[in-house]
Amino acid sequence: MNHMNNTDKHLEFKLSEEENNTINYLELSNHRNTNSTDTDTDTDTTLTDVTKQFSSNCPVEHKLAAFHFNFT
């Protein structure tokens, strides 16, 4: 792990440990059952009402996707 943390001073890798049969990675929660694994996503913490300006230098598909998502 230390070698990975020396790759770039702006990146820090941390080892996550399982708690109550669940481990979180990015926005995924993986829960280990006896015979299976359940995966759940948590997007509430990252959702905002901010969208791109239409004049921004982003693909039109991205701008329209944000528009359609907000009105569905």
Protein backbone atom coordinates (compact mmCIF):
# COMPACT_ATOMS: atom_id res chain seq x y z
CA MET A 1 0.00 0.00 0.00
CA ASN A 2 2.83 2.43 0.79
CA HIS A 3 4.26 2.03 -2.70
CA MET A 4 0.89 3.05 -4.20
CA ASN A 5 0.74 6.14 -1.97
CA ASN A 6 4.17 7.23 -3.25
CA THR A 7 3.00 7.24 -6.87
CA ASP A 8 1.45 10.71 -6.76
CA LYS A 9 1.40 13.19 -3.87
CA HIS A 10 -2.22 14.14 -4.71
CA LEU A 11 -3.51 10.56 -4.33
CA GLU A 12 -3.90 8.65 -1.10
CA PHE A 13 -5.03 5.06 -1.02
CA LYS A 14 -6.64 3.72 2.13
CA LEU A 15 -7.49 0.17 3.05
CA SER A 16 -11.17 -0.28 3.88
CA GLU A 17 -12.23 -2.94 6.33
CA GLU A 18 -15.50 -4.79 6.39
CA GLU A 19 -17.98 -3.79 9.10
CA ASN A 20 -21.17 -5.77 9.76
CA ASN A 21 -20.58 -7.83 6.60
CA THR A 22 -20.54 -4.62 4.53
CA ILE A 23 -17.73 -2.84 2.75
CA ASN A 24 -18.08 0.48 0.92
CA TYR A 25 -16.19 1.41 -2.23
CA LEU A 26 -16.85 4.76 -3.89
CA GLU A 27 -20.66 4.93 -4.04
CA LEU A 28 -21.19 1.17 -3.75
CA SER A 29 -22.04 -0.77 -0.63
CA ASN A 30 -21.35 -4.48 -0.87
CA HIS A 31 -23.10 -6.61 1.73
CA ARG A 32 -21.99 -10.22 2.16
CA ASN A 33 -24.71 -12.76 2.94
CA THR A 34 -24.32 -16.48 3.56
CA ASN A 35 -24.78 -17.52 -0.09
CA SER A 36 -24.75 -14.24 -2.00
CA THR A 37 -23.59 -10.65 -2.17
CA ASP A 38 -25.91 -7.63 -2.39
CA THR A 39 -24.80 -4.37 -3.95
CA ASP A 40 -26.43 -1.01 -3.26
CA THR A 41 -25.60 2.44 -4.58
CA ASP A 42 -25.62 5.68 -2.61
CA THR A 43 -25.96 8.73 -4.81
CA ASP A 44 -27.78 11.04 -2.39
CA THR A 45 -24.56 12.64 -1.16
CA THR A 46 -23.45 13.65 -4.66
CA LEU A 47 -26.69 14.78 -6.28
CA THR A 48 -27.05 18.51 -6.75
CA ASP A 49 -29.37 20.75 -8.70
CA VAL A 50 -26.43 22.16 -10.64
CA THR A 51 -26.26 21.53 -14.37
CA LYS A 52 -23.88 22.62 -17.10
CA GLN A 53 -24.45 25.85 -18.94
CA PHE A 54 -25.56 25.11 -22.47
CA SER A 55 -22.73 27.28 -23.82
CA SER A 56 -20.09 25.21 -21.96
CA ASN A 57 -17.59 23.07 -23.82
CA CYS A 58 -19.26 19.74 -23.01
CA PRO A 59 -20.87 17.23 -25.36
CA VAL A 60 -24.48 18.12 -26.09
CA GLU A 61 -25.51 14.61 -25.01
CA HIS A 62 -24.25 15.32 -21.48
CA LYS A 63 -26.17 18.58 -21.26
CA LEU A 64 -29.37 16.97 -22.50
CA ALA A 65 -28.95 13.98 -20.16
CA ALA A 66 -28.81 16.34 -17.17
CA PHE A 67 -31.93 18.13 -18.44
CA HIS A 68 -33.88 14.90 -18.96
CA PHE A 69 -32.78 13.49 -15.59
CA ASN A 70 -34.05 16.56 -13.71
CA PHE A 71 -37.48 16.38 -15.30
CA THR A 72 -38.22 12.66 -15.10
